[in-house]
Amino acid sequence: MTTDAAPFTTTDFDTSTDFDALTGDLQGALAALADVEFGFQIACERLDASSGAETDKTRCRTDLEAERARCREPLLRRLDELDRRVRSLLPLNAASGGVFDRPFARSFAG
């Protein structure tokens, strides 16, 4: 019995497994980034609602922004790393400017 279908290879399995793992990693990193942003937003709203001198609020807001940046930086590096890994698994034309090349970035460009 012969078949025209290409045999399933371990490379196919590894790529599929890699995409599944990357999807979970991306979701985790994006959720962590959303938590940082949400926490920053809530802290700013509480600060705005609090009583106190504007100079104190400005200093606190600066501290909040610094903490937000400190928390975001490793997450953004992780997302960049995951982006590179995803692109390494995509076909060459897709990874170098095809359909999958940051479609939303183009739609929001001014």
Protein backbone atom coordinates (compact mmCIF):
# COMPACT_ATOMS: atom_id res chain seq x y z
CA MET A 1 0.00 0.00 0.00
CA THR A 2 1.46 3.36 -1.03
CA THR A 3 0.35 6.85 -0.27
CA ASP A 4 1.05 10.18 -1.94
CA ALA A 5 0.92 12.07 1.36
CA ALA A 6 4.21 13.19 2.80
CA PRO A 7 5.15 11.27 5.92
CA PHE A 8 4.86 12.99 9.26
CA THR A 9 8.32 13.96 10.43
CA THR A 10 9.72 14.89 13.81
CA THR A 11 10.53 18.30 12.36
CA ASP A 12 6.79 18.87 11.79
CA PHE A 13 6.06 17.79 15.35
CA ASP A 14 8.81 19.97 16.81
CA THR A 15 7.59 23.03 14.90
CA SER A 16 4.00 22.44 16.01
CA THR A 17 5.12 21.96 19.60
CA ASP A 18 7.30 25.08 19.35
CA PHE A 19 4.34 27.16 18.15
CA ASP A 20 2.17 25.82 20.97
CA ALA A 21 4.82 26.65 23.56
CA LEU A 22 5.42 30.07 22.05
CA THR A 23 1.71 30.82 22.09
CA GLY A 24 1.58 30.12 25.81
CA ASP A 25 4.74 32.15 26.41
CA LEU A 26 3.35 35.08 24.41
CA GLN A 27 0.06 34.96 26.29
CA GLY A 28 1.90 34.92 29.61
CA ALA A 29 4.17 37.83 28.70
CA LEU A 30 1.27 39.89 27.34
CA ALA A 31 -0.81 39.17 30.46
CA ALA A 32 2.09 40.26 32.68
CA LEU A 33 2.47 43.45 30.65
CA ALA A 34 -1.27 44.10 30.95
CA ASP A 35 -1.00 43.62 34.73
CA VAL A 36 1.78 46.21 34.90
CA GLU A 37 -0.24 48.69 32.85
CA PHE A 38 -3.41 48.08 34.85
CA GLY A 39 -1.56 48.48 38.14
CA PHE A 40 -0.03 51.73 36.93
CA GLN A 41 -3.41 53.05 35.80
CA ILE A 42 -5.06 52.19 39.13
CA ALA A 43 -2.20 53.76 41.10
CA CYS A 44 -2.46 56.96 39.04
CA GLU A 45 -6.22 57.13 39.55
CA ARG A 46 -5.79 56.70 43.30
CA LEU A 47 -3.11 59.37 43.33
CA ASP A 48 -5.33 61.77 41.41
CA ALA A 49 -8.19 61.16 43.85
CA SER A 50 -6.04 61.66 46.93
CA SER A 51 -5.66 64.89 48.78
CA GLY A 52 -2.27 66.45 49.00
CA ALA A 53 0.02 68.99 47.48
CA GLU A 54 0.51 68.88 43.72
CA THR A 55 4.28 68.80 44.17
CA ASP A 56 3.94 65.63 46.24
CA LYS A 57 1.62 64.11 43.64
CA THR A 58 4.05 65.00 40.86
CA ARG A 59 6.90 63.33 42.76
CA CYS A 60 4.75 60.24 43.38
CA ARG A 61 3.70 60.10 39.72
CA THR A 62 7.37 60.25 38.69
CA ASP A 63 8.10 57.36 41.05
CA LEU A 64 5.15 55.40 39.63
CA GLU A 65 6.35 55.99 36.07
CA ALA A 66 9.87 54.84 36.98
CA GLU A 67 8.51 51.67 38.59
CA ARG A 68 6.30 51.04 35.58
CA ALA A 69 9.28 51.38 33.23
CA ARG A 70 11.37 49.09 35.45
CA CYS A 71 8.66 46.41 35.36
CA ARG A 72 7.95 46.79 31.63
CA GLU A 73 11.52 46.57 30.38
CA PRO A 74 12.13 42.85 30.99
CA LEU A 75 8.68 42.04 29.62
CA LEU A 76 9.34 44.00 26.44
CA ARG A 77 12.70 42.25 26.02
CA ARG A 78 10.92 38.91 26.49
CA LEU A 79 8.30 39.82 23.88
CA ASP A 80 11.05 40.81 21.44
CA GLU A 81 12.76 37.48 22.06
CA LEU A 82 9.51 35.59 21.51
CA ASP A 83 8.86 37.59 18.34
CA ARG A 84 12.26 36.53 16.98
CA ARG A 85 11.53 32.90 17.85
CA VAL A 86 8.15 32.99 16.11
CA ARG A 87 9.72 34.55 13.03
CA SER A 88 12.39 31.85 12.96
CA LEU A 89 9.63 29.25 12.65
CA LEU A 90 7.73 31.05 9.90
CA PRO A 91 8.43 30.47 6.22
CA LEU A 92 11.14 32.80 4.94
CA ASN A 93 8.79 35.04 2.93
CA ALA A 94 6.42 35.50 5.88
CA ALA A 95 9.25 36.28 8.30
CA SER A 96 10.72 38.89 5.96
CA GLY A 97 7.75 41.06 5.13
CA GLY A 98 4.90 38.79 4.13
CA VAL A 99 1.35 38.61 5.39
CA PHE A 100 2.40 37.87 8.97
CA ASP A 101 4.78 40.82 9.27
CA ARG A 102 3.18 42.98 12.01
CA PRO A 103 -0.11 43.58 10.19
CA PHE A 104 -1.42 45.90 12.92
CA ALA A 105 1.65 48.12 12.90
CA ARG A 106 0.90 49.08 9.29
CA SER A 107 -2.76 49.76 9.97
CA PHE A 108 -1.98 52.17 12.82
CA ALA A 109 0.87 53.97 11.10
CA GLY A 110 0.09 57.61 10.45
